[in-house]
Amino acid sequence: MSGAGARVGVGTRFRYDGEAVEVVELAATTAGNEVVLKDGRGRLLRLSLKKLLFSDRAP
């Protein structure tokens, strides 16, 4: 098994669901780590960090 690593923090940019998004907030919850993303139109989306990193929507 091999792995790769990437630092994720406020300001990190991803492609998610075909759009460029930026991490604007990180939150540690009892359910796990979550991120708040902002797209180019200013819309916010909150989801788990695990879902962001392992989703088919984030190539």
Protein backbone atom coordinates (compact mmCIF):
# COMPACT_ATOMS: atom_id res chain seq x y z
CA MET A 1 0.00 0.00 0.00
CA SER A 2 1.25 3.46 -0.83
CA GLY A 3 -0.16 6.83 0.03
CA ALA A 4 0.19 10.47 -0.70
CA GLY A 5 -0.25 13.47 1.48
CA ALA A 6 -1.43 17.00 1.03
CA ARG A 7 -1.82 19.80 3.52
CA VAL A 8 -5.33 21.13 3.78
CA GLY A 9 -6.03 24.44 5.44
CA VAL A 10 -7.73 27.75 4.98
CA GLY A 11 -6.88 28.97 1.49
CA THR A 12 -6.36 25.50 -0.04
CA ARG A 13 -8.04 25.23 -3.43
CA PHE A 14 -9.71 22.18 -4.95
CA ARG A 15 -11.85 21.23 -7.93
CA TYR A 16 -15.16 19.92 -6.61
CA ASP A 17 -18.14 19.03 -8.76
CA GLY A 18 -16.58 20.78 -11.75
CA GLU A 19 -15.94 24.07 -9.96
CA ALA A 20 -12.95 25.65 -8.30
CA VAL A 21 -13.54 25.96 -4.55
CA GLU A 22 -11.48 27.32 -1.68
CA VAL A 23 -11.39 26.17 1.94
CA VAL A 24 -12.54 29.11 4.08
CA GLU A 25 -13.01 27.31 7.41
CA LEU A 26 -12.02 24.08 9.15
CA ALA A 27 -14.03 22.57 12.00
CA ALA A 28 -13.30 19.61 14.27
CA THR A 29 -16.60 17.95 15.20
CA THR A 30 -17.51 14.77 17.04
CA ALA A 31 -18.36 13.28 13.63
CA GLY A 32 -14.90 14.15 12.24
CA ASN A 33 -13.21 17.07 10.53
CA GLU A 34 -15.32 19.29 8.31
CA VAL A 35 -14.51 22.02 5.82
CA VAL A 36 -16.45 25.00 4.58
CA LEU A 37 -15.86 25.64 0.89
CA LYS A 38 -16.57 28.80 -1.10
CA ASP A 39 -17.04 28.67 -4.85
CA GLY A 40 -16.44 31.41 -7.40
CA ARG A 41 -19.96 32.77 -6.93
CA GLY A 42 -19.53 33.15 -3.17
CA ARG A 43 -21.74 30.17 -2.27
CA LEU A 44 -20.72 28.17 0.80
CA LEU A 45 -20.78 24.40 1.17
CA ARG A 46 -19.99 22.45 4.34
CA LEU A 47 -18.92 18.83 4.10
CA SER A 48 -16.64 16.34 5.76
CA LEU A 49 -12.97 16.50 4.89
CA LYS A 50 -13.03 12.77 4.15
CA LYS A 51 -15.84 13.23 1.62
CA LEU A 52 -13.92 16.04 -0.07
CA LEU A 53 -10.71 14.06 -0.37
CA PHE A 54 -12.19 10.71 -1.42
CA SER A 55 -15.21 11.79 -3.49
CA ASP A 56 -15.53 11.06 -7.20
CA ARG A 57 -16.71 14.66 -7.47
CA ALA A 58 -13.22 15.92 -6.61
CA PRO A 59 -10.88 14.58 -9.32
